[in-house]
Amino acid sequence: MGVAVGTALDEARAARRLAEQDPRRAVPAAEHALDRARRDRDPAAAAVAGRARGLALLHCGDLDSAIRQLRLAAAAGQAA
């Protein structure tokens, strides 16, 4: 993935954009962003990164995992 640039939220937003363009590449990017958001204790970034991962999984056809991830992202969004 490379060196993280910007904030955890910036990284999460980049993963979210990638989820629409290239979902297979977006899954690990979103996981990395989610890990960073958790390390930084940034619930807003965690919500965006979780949404990115959920959307990428949805586009990849993994519906069960996508639903679980999107529910977690919604919970993180409420915490934010």
PDB file of N, CA and C in Angstrom:
ATOM      1  N   MET A   1       0.828  -1.187   0.000  1.00  0.00           N
ATOM      2  CA  MET A   1       0.000   0.000   0.000  1.00  0.00           C
ATOM      3  C   MET A   1       0.863   1.237   0.000  1.00  0.00           C
ATOM      4  N   GLY A   2       2.027   1.192   0.609  1.00  0.00           N
ATOM      5  CA  GLY A   2       2.890   2.368   0.617  1.00  0.00           C
ATOM      6  C   GLY A   2       2.737   3.149   1.899  1.00  0.00           C
ATOM      7  N   VAL A   3       3.416   4.259   1.950  1.00  0.00           N
ATOM      8  CA  VAL A   3       3.398   5.118   3.128  1.00  0.00           C
ATOM      9  C   VAL A   3       2.110   5.928   3.138  1.00  0.00           C
ATOM     10  N   ALA A   4       1.471   5.973   4.286  1.00  0.00           N
ATOM     11  CA  ALA A   4       0.235   6.721   4.420  1.00  0.00           C
ATOM     12  C   ALA A   4       0.515   8.218   4.358  1.00  0.00           C
ATOM     13  N   VAL A   5      -0.292   8.909   3.602  1.00  0.00           N
ATOM     14  CA  VAL A   5      -0.154  10.356   3.467  1.00  0.00           C
ATOM     15  C   VAL A   5      -1.445  10.983   3.944  1.00  0.00           C
ATOM     16  N   GLY A   6      -1.334  12.104   4.652  1.00  0.00           N
ATOM     17  CA  GLY A   6      -2.528  12.776   5.132  1.00  0.00           C
ATOM     18  C   GLY A   6      -3.069  12.109   6.386  1.00  0.00           C
ATOM     19  N   THR A   7      -4.312  12.411   6.659  1.00  0.00           N
ATOM     20  CA  THR A   7      -4.950  11.899   7.867  1.00  0.00           C
ATOM     21  C   THR A   7      -5.562  10.524   7.615  1.00  0.00           C
ATOM     22  N   ALA A   8      -5.984   9.895   8.681  1.00  0.00           N
ATOM     23  CA  ALA A   8      -6.686   8.617   8.560  1.00  0.00           C
ATOM     24  C   ALA A   8      -7.965   8.804   7.737  1.00  0.00           C
ATOM     25  N   LEU A   9      -8.621   9.946   7.913  1.00  0.00           N
ATOM     26  CA  LEU A   9      -9.838  10.214   7.149  1.00  0.00           C
ATOM     27  C   LEU A   9      -9.524  10.376   5.666  1.00  0.00           C
ATOM     28  N   ASP A  10      -8.415  11.025   5.338  1.00  0.00           N
ATOM     29  CA  ASP A  10      -8.009  11.147   3.932  1.00  0.00           C
ATOM     30  C   ASP A  10      -7.796   9.762   3.308  1.00  0.00           C
ATOM     31  N   GLU A  11      -7.122   8.904   4.045  1.00  0.00           N
ATOM     32  CA  GLU A  11      -6.853   7.551   3.554  1.00  0.00           C
ATOM     33  C   GLU A  11      -8.154   6.768   3.375  1.00  0.00           C
ATOM     34  N   ALA A  12      -9.075   6.930   4.320  1.00  0.00           N
ATOM     35  CA  ALA A  12     -10.367   6.250   4.233  1.00  0.00           C
ATOM     36  C   ALA A  12     -11.163   6.749   3.025  1.00  0.00           C
ATOM     37  N   ARG A  13     -11.133   8.048   2.795  1.00  0.00           N
ATOM     38  CA  ARG A  13     -11.852   8.611   1.640  1.00  0.00           C
ATOM     39  C   ARG A  13     -11.255   8.115   0.323  1.00  0.00           C
ATOM     40  N   ALA A  14      -9.949   7.983   0.274  1.00  0.00           N
ATOM     41  CA  ALA A  14      -9.297   7.465  -0.937  1.00  0.00           C
ATOM     42  C   ALA A  14      -9.738   6.017  -1.181  1.00  0.00           C
ATOM     43  N   ALA A  15      -9.826   5.223  -0.123  1.00  0.00           N
ATOM     44  CA  ALA A  15     -10.285   3.839  -0.254  1.00  0.00           C
ATOM     45  C   ALA A  15     -11.739   3.801  -0.706  1.00  0.00           C
ATOM     46  N   ARG A  16     -12.541   4.727  -0.230  1.00  0.00           N
ATOM     47  CA  ARG A  16     -13.956   4.796  -0.617  1.00  0.00           C
ATOM     48  C   ARG A  16     -14.088   5.095  -2.114  1.00  0.00           C
ATOM     49  N   ARG A  17     -13.282   6.014  -2.621  1.00  0.00           N
ATOM     50  CA  ARG A  17     -13.305   6.312  -4.058  1.00  0.00           C
ATOM     51  C   ARG A  17     -12.866   5.086  -4.869  1.00  0.00           C
ATOM     52  N   LEU A  18     -11.849   4.402  -4.379  1.00  0.00           N
ATOM     53  CA  LEU A  18     -11.330   3.226  -5.061  1.00  0.00           C
ATOM     54  C   LEU A  18     -12.356   2.095  -5.097  1.00  0.00           C
ATOM     55  N   ALA A  19     -13.225   2.034  -4.099  1.00  0.00           N
ATOM     56  CA  ALA A  19     -14.239   0.970  -4.035  1.00  0.00           C
ATOM     57  C   ALA A  19     -15.138   0.973  -5.264  1.00  0.00           C
ATOM     58  N   GLU A  20     -15.393   2.134  -5.808  1.00  0.00           N
ATOM     59  CA  GLU A  20     -16.227   2.233  -7.010  1.00  0.00           C
ATOM     60  C   GLU A  20     -15.421   1.948  -8.276  1.00  0.00           C
ATOM     61  N   GLN A  21     -14.149   2.312  -8.272  1.00  0.00           N
ATOM     62  CA  GLN A  21     -13.319   2.198  -9.468  1.00  0.00           C
ATOM     63  C   GLN A  21     -12.698   0.816  -9.633  1.00  0.00           C
ATOM     64  N   ASP A  22     -12.186   0.269  -8.540  1.00  0.00           N
ATOM     65  CA  ASP A  22     -11.462  -1.007  -8.593  1.00  0.00           C
ATOM     66  C   ASP A  22     -11.673  -1.742  -7.267  1.00  0.00           C
ATOM     67  N   PRO A  23     -12.826  -2.396  -7.115  1.00  0.00           N
ATOM     68  CA  PRO A  23     -13.168  -2.993  -5.825  1.00  0.00           C
ATOM     69  C   PRO A  23     -12.159  -4.004  -5.303  1.00  0.00           C
ATOM     70  N   ARG A  24     -11.536  -4.767  -6.180  1.00  0.00           N
ATOM     71  CA  ARG A  24     -10.564  -5.774  -5.707  1.00  0.00           C
ATOM     72  C   ARG A  24      -9.356  -5.112  -5.051  1.00  0.00           C
ATOM     73  N   ARG A  25      -8.900  -4.018  -5.601  1.00  0.00           N
ATOM     74  CA  ARG A  25      -7.795  -3.277  -4.978  1.00  0.00           C
ATOM     75  C   ARG A  25      -8.271  -2.494  -3.757  1.00  0.00           C
ATOM     76  N   ALA A  26      -9.551  -2.147  -3.741  1.00  0.00           N
ATOM     77  CA  ALA A  26     -10.084  -1.344  -2.644  1.00  0.00           C
ATOM     78  C   ALA A  26     -10.184  -2.125  -1.338  1.00  0.00           C
ATOM     79  N   VAL A  27     -10.404  -3.432  -1.416  1.00  0.00           N
ATOM     80  CA  VAL A  27     -10.553  -4.207  -0.177  1.00  0.00           C
ATOM     81  C   VAL A  27      -9.319  -4.069   0.711  1.00  0.00           C
ATOM     82  N   PRO A  28      -8.097  -4.377   0.217  1.00  0.00           N
ATOM     83  CA  PRO A  28      -6.941  -4.208   1.105  1.00  0.00           C
ATOM     84  C   PRO A  28      -6.669  -2.743   1.456  1.00  0.00           C
ATOM     85  N   ALA A  29      -6.967  -1.827   0.542  1.00  0.00           N
ATOM     86  CA  ALA A  29      -6.771  -0.406   0.845  1.00  0.00           C
ATOM     87  C   ALA A  29      -7.695   0.020   1.979  1.00  0.00           C
ATOM     88  N   ALA A  30      -8.931  -0.438   1.934  1.00  0.00           N
ATOM     89  CA  ALA A  30      -9.886  -0.106   2.985  1.00  0.00           C
ATOM     90  C   ALA A  30      -9.498  -0.759   4.309  1.00  0.00           C
ATOM     91  N   GLU A  31      -9.000  -1.986   4.257  1.00  0.00           N
ATOM     92  CA  GLU A  31      -8.559  -2.663   5.481  1.00  0.00           C
ATOM     93  C   GLU A  31      -7.397  -1.900   6.122  1.00  0.00           C
ATOM     94  N   HIS A  32      -6.479  -1.438   5.292  1.00  0.00           N
ATOM     95  CA  HIS A  32      -5.352  -0.649   5.795  1.00  0.00           C
ATOM     96  C   HIS A  32      -5.863   0.647   6.421  1.00  0.00           C
ATOM     97  N   ALA A  33      -6.788   1.320   5.741  1.00  0.00           N
ATOM     98  CA  ALA A  33      -7.349   2.565   6.263  1.00  0.00           C
ATOM     99  C   ALA A  33      -8.110   2.322   7.558  1.00  0.00           C
ATOM    100  N   LEU A  34      -8.816   1.198   7.633  1.00  0.00           N
ATOM    101  CA  LEU A  34      -9.555   0.858   8.841  1.00  0.00           C
ATOM    102  C   LEU A  34      -8.607   0.587  10.005  1.00  0.00           C
ATOM    103  N   ASP A  35      -7.525  -0.116   9.745  1.00  0.00           N
ATOM    104  CA  ASP A  35      -6.517  -0.351  10.790  1.00  0.00           C
ATOM    105  C   ASP A  35      -5.945   0.975  11.292  1.00  0.00           C
ATOM    106  N   ARG A  36      -5.633   1.863  10.351  1.00  0.00           N
ATOM    107  CA  ARG A  36      -5.081   3.166  10.741  1.00  0.00           C
ATOM    108  C   ARG A  36      -6.093   3.965  11.556  1.00  0.00           C
ATOM    109  N   ALA A  37      -7.348   3.957  11.134  1.00  0.00           N
ATOM    110  CA  ALA A  37      -8.383   4.693  11.866  1.00  0.00           C
ATOM    111  C   ALA A  37      -8.518   4.163  13.287  1.00  0.00           C
ATOM    112  N   ARG A  38      -8.433   2.854  13.429  1.00  0.00           N
ATOM    113  CA  ARG A  38      -8.512   2.264  14.777  1.00  0.00           C
ATOM    114  C   ARG A  38      -7.309   2.644  15.619  1.00  0.00           C
ATOM    115  N   ARG A  39      -6.111   2.583  15.004  1.00  0.00           N
ATOM    116  CA  ARG A  39      -4.900   2.984  15.734  1.00  0.00           C
ATOM    117  C   ARG A  39      -4.987   4.443  16.185  1.00  0.00           C
ATOM    118  N   ASP A  40      -5.520   5.292  15.300  1.00  0.00           N
ATOM    119  CA  ASP A  40      -5.647   6.717  15.596  1.00  0.00           C
ATOM    120  C   ASP A  40      -6.864   7.041  16.461  1.00  0.00           C
ATOM    121  N   ARG A  41      -7.666   6.013  16.734  1.00  0.00           N
ATOM    122  CA  ARG A  41      -8.912   6.191  17.504  1.00  0.00           C
ATOM    123  C   ARG A  41      -9.788   7.276  16.871  1.00  0.00           C
ATOM    124  N   ASP A  42      -9.999   7.112  15.565  1.00  0.00           N
ATOM    125  CA  ASP A  42     -10.767   8.078  14.779  1.00  0.00           C
ATOM    126  C   ASP A  42     -12.037   7.395  14.267  1.00  0.00           C
ATOM    127  N   PRO A  43     -13.153   7.531  15.002  1.00  0.00           N
ATOM    128  CA  PRO A  43     -14.369   6.826  14.599  1.00  0.00           C
ATOM    129  C   PRO A  43     -14.926   7.306  13.256  1.00  0.00           C
ATOM    130  N   ALA A  44     -14.748   8.555  12.908  1.00  0.00           N
ATOM    131  CA  ALA A  44     -15.228   9.041  11.608  1.00  0.00           C
ATOM    132  C   ALA A  44     -14.462   8.360  10.476  1.00  0.00           C
ATOM    133  N   ALA A  45     -13.155   8.283  10.615  1.00  0.00           N
ATOM    134  CA  ALA A  45     -12.343   7.609   9.600  1.00  0.00           C
ATOM    135  C   ALA A  45     -12.669   6.120   9.556  1.00  0.00           C
ATOM    136  N   ALA A  46     -12.928   5.524  10.718  1.00  0.00           N
ATOM    137  CA  ALA A  46     -13.292   4.108  10.761  1.00  0.00           C
ATOM    138  C   ALA A  46     -14.617   3.871  10.042  1.00  0.00           C
ATOM    139  N   ALA A  47     -15.560   4.789  10.190  1.00  0.00           N
ATOM    140  CA  ALA A  47     -16.845   4.659   9.511  1.00  0.00           C
ATOM    141  C   ALA A  47     -16.668   4.730   8.004  1.00  0.00           C
ATOM    142  N   VAL A  48     -15.878   5.670   7.526  1.00  0.00           N
ATOM    143  CA  VAL A  48     -15.659   5.827   6.086  1.00  0.00           C
ATOM    144  C   VAL A  48     -14.880   4.633   5.532  1.00  0.00           C
ATOM    145  N   ALA A  49     -13.844   4.208   6.243  1.00  0.00           N
ATOM    146  CA  ALA A  49     -13.055   3.063   5.786  1.00  0.00           C
ATOM    147  C   ALA A  49     -13.892   1.789   5.797  1.00  0.00           C
ATOM    148  N   GLY A  50     -14.715   1.616   6.814  1.00  0.00           N
ATOM    149  CA  GLY A  50     -15.586   0.453   6.876  1.00  0.00           C
ATOM    150  C   GLY A  50     -16.603   0.459   5.752  1.00  0.00           C
ATOM    151  N   ARG A  51     -17.118   1.629   5.441  1.00  0.00           N
ATOM    152  CA  ARG A  51     -18.050   1.742   4.312  1.00  0.00           C
ATOM    153  C   ARG A  51     -17.339   1.401   3.011  1.00  0.00           C
ATOM    154  N   ALA A  52     -16.109   1.880   2.869  1.00  0.00           N
ATOM    155  CA  ALA A  52     -15.337   1.578   1.661  1.00  0.00           C
ATOM    156  C   ALA A  52     -15.145   0.074   1.520  1.00  0.00           C
ATOM    157  N   ARG A  53     -14.796  -0.586   2.620  1.00  0.00           N
ATOM    158  CA  ARG A  53     -14.595  -2.042   2.577  1.00  0.00           C
ATOM    159  C   ARG A  53     -15.903  -2.748   2.255  1.00  0.00           C
ATOM    160  N   GLY A  54     -16.987  -2.312   2.876  1.00  0.00           N
ATOM    161  CA  GLY A  54     -18.276  -2.929   2.612  1.00  0.00           C
ATOM    162  C   GLY A  54     -18.716  -2.768   1.168  1.00  0.00           C
ATOM    163  N   LEU A  55     -18.546  -1.583   0.609  1.00  0.00           N
ATOM    164  CA  LEU A  55     -18.915  -1.360  -0.786  1.00  0.00           C
ATOM    165  C   LEU A  55     -18.046  -2.182  -1.728  1.00  0.00           C
ATOM    166  N   ALA A  56     -16.757  -2.251  -1.426  1.00  0.00           N
ATOM    167  CA  ALA A  56     -15.855  -3.044  -2.265  1.00  0.00           C
ATOM    168  C   ALA A  56     -16.256  -4.516  -2.227  1.00  0.00           C
ATOM    169  N   LEU A  57     -16.557  -5.019  -1.039  1.00  0.00           N
ATOM    170  CA  LEU A  57     -16.998  -6.414  -0.923  1.00  0.00           C
ATOM    171  C   LEU A  57     -18.300  -6.649  -1.677  1.00  0.00           C
ATOM    172  N   LEU A  58     -19.200  -5.683  -1.608  1.00  0.00           N
ATOM    173  CA  LEU A  58     -20.460  -5.777  -2.340  1.00  0.00           C
ATOM    174  C   LEU A  58     -20.197  -5.886  -3.842  1.00  0.00           C
ATOM    175  N   HIS A  59     -19.332  -5.007  -4.352  1.00  0.00           N
ATOM    176  CA  HIS A  59     -19.008  -5.022  -5.780  1.00  0.00           C
ATOM    177  C   HIS A  59     -18.261  -6.295  -6.188  1.00  0.00           C
ATOM    178  N   CYS A  60     -17.585  -6.923  -5.237  1.00  0.00           N
ATOM    179  CA  CYS A  60     -16.882  -8.186  -5.522  1.00  0.00           C
ATOM    180  C   CYS A  60     -17.806  -9.395  -5.398  1.00  0.00           C
ATOM    181  N   GLY A  61     -19.039  -9.174  -4.956  1.00  0.00           N
ATOM    182  CA  GLY A  61     -20.011 -10.259  -4.866  1.00  0.00           C
ATOM    183  C   GLY A  61     -20.058 -10.984  -3.540  1.00  0.00           C
ATOM    184  N   ASP A  62     -19.333 -10.497  -2.535  1.00  0.00           N
ATOM    185  CA  ASP A  62     -19.339 -11.125  -1.211  1.00  0.00           C
ATOM    186  C   ASP A  62     -20.394 -10.428  -0.356  1.00  0.00           C
ATOM    187  N   LEU A  63     -21.648 -10.773  -0.597  1.00  0.00           N
ATOM    188  CA  LEU A  63     -22.764 -10.048   0.002  1.00  0.00           C
ATOM    189  C   LEU A  63     -22.836 -10.185   1.518  1.00  0.00           C
ATOM    190  N   ASP A  64     -22.620 -11.385   2.046  1.00  0.00           N
ATOM    191  CA  ASP A  64     -22.699 -11.576   3.496  1.00  0.00           C
ATOM    192  C   ASP A  64     -21.655 -10.729   4.226  1.00  0.00           C
ATOM    193  N   SER A  65     -20.425 -10.767   3.733  1.00  0.00           N
ATOM    194  CA  SER A  65     -19.365  -9.970   4.352  1.00  0.00           C
ATOM    195  C   SER A  65     -19.634  -8.486   4.182  1.00  0.00           C
ATOM    196  N   ALA A  66     -20.169  -8.105   3.043  1.00  0.00           N
ATOM    197  CA  ALA A  66     -20.476  -6.696   2.786  1.00  0.00           C
ATOM    198  C   ALA A  66     -21.515  -6.187   3.780  1.00  0.00           C
ATOM    199  N   ILE A  67     -22.557  -6.969   4.004  1.00  0.00           N
ATOM    200  CA  ILE A  67     -23.610  -6.558   4.940  1.00  0.00           C
ATOM    201  C   ILE A  67     -23.053  -6.406   6.346  1.00  0.00           C
ATOM    202  N   ARG A  68     -22.251  -7.386   6.777  1.00  0.00           N
ATOM    203  CA  ARG A  68     -21.645  -7.299   8.119  1.00  0.00           C
ATOM    204  C   ARG A  68     -20.783  -6.051   8.234  1.00  0.00           C
ATOM    205  N   GLN A  69     -19.956  -5.800   7.215  1.00  0.00           N
ATOM    206  CA  GLN A  69     -19.048  -4.656   7.261  1.00  0.00           C
ATOM    207  C   GLN A  69     -19.815  -3.334   7.245  1.00  0.00           C
ATOM    208  N   LEU A  70     -20.850  -3.253   6.438  1.00  0.00           N
ATOM    209  CA  LEU A  70     -21.627  -2.010   6.371  1.00  0.00           C
ATOM    210  C   LEU A  70     -22.363  -1.746   7.681  1.00  0.00           C
ATOM    211  N   ARG A  71     -22.783  -2.792   8.364  1.00  0.00           N
ATOM    212  CA  ARG A  71     -23.403  -2.609   9.697  1.00  0.00           C
ATOM    213  C   ARG A  71     -22.388  -2.088  10.694  1.00  0.00           C
ATOM    214  N   LEU A  72     -21.165  -2.637  10.642  1.00  0.00           N
ATOM    215  CA  LEU A  72     -20.105  -2.136  11.525  1.00  0.00           C
ATOM    216  C   LEU A  72     -19.772  -0.689  11.210  1.00  0.00           C
ATOM    217  N   ALA A  73     -19.757  -0.350   9.927  1.00  0.00           N
ATOM    218  CA  ALA A  73     -19.464   1.024   9.519  1.00  0.00           C
ATOM    219  C   ALA A  73     -20.537   1.971  10.032  1.00  0.00           C
ATOM    220  N   ALA A  74     -21.792   1.533   9.976  1.00  0.00           N
ATOM    221  CA  ALA A  74     -22.884   2.370  10.488  1.00  0.00           C
ATOM    222  C   ALA A  74     -22.734   2.593  11.984  1.00  0.00           C
ATOM    223  N   ALA A  75     -22.354   1.569  12.713  1.00  0.00           N
ATOM    224  CA  ALA A  75     -22.143   1.710  14.159  1.00  0.00           C
ATOM    225  C   ALA A  75     -20.994   2.675  14.439  1.00  0.00           C
ATOM    226  N   ALA A  76     -19.930   2.585  13.664  1.00  0.00           N
ATOM    227  CA  ALA A  76     -18.801   3.512  13.836  1.00  0.00           C
ATOM    228  C   ALA A  76     -19.251   4.937  13.519  1.00  0.00           C
ATOM    229  N   GLY A  77     -20.105   5.077  12.515  1.00  0.00           N
ATOM    230  CA  GLY A  77     -20.621   6.405  12.171  1.00  0.00           C
ATOM    231  C   GLY A  77     -21.454   6.988  13.313  1.00  0.00           C
ATOM    232  N   GLN A  78     -22.239   6.170  13.958  1.00  0.00           N
ATOM    233  CA  GLN A  78     -23.007   6.647  15.103  1.00  0.00           C
ATOM    234  C   GLN A  78     -22.096   7.063  16.245  1.00  0.00           C
ATOM    235  N   ALA A  79     -21.007   6.314  16.433  1.00  0.00           N
ATOM    236  CA  ALA A  79     -20.045   6.663  17.492  1.00  0.00           C
ATOM    237  C   ALA A  79     -19.332   7.980  17.184  1.00  0.00           C
ATOM    238  N   ALA A  80     -19.161   8.262  15.901  1.00  0.00           N
ATOM    239  CA  ALA A  80     -18.468   9.495  15.512  1.00  0.00           C
ATOM    240  C   ALA A  80     -19.353  10.690  15.820  1.00  0.00           C
TER     241      ALA A  80
END
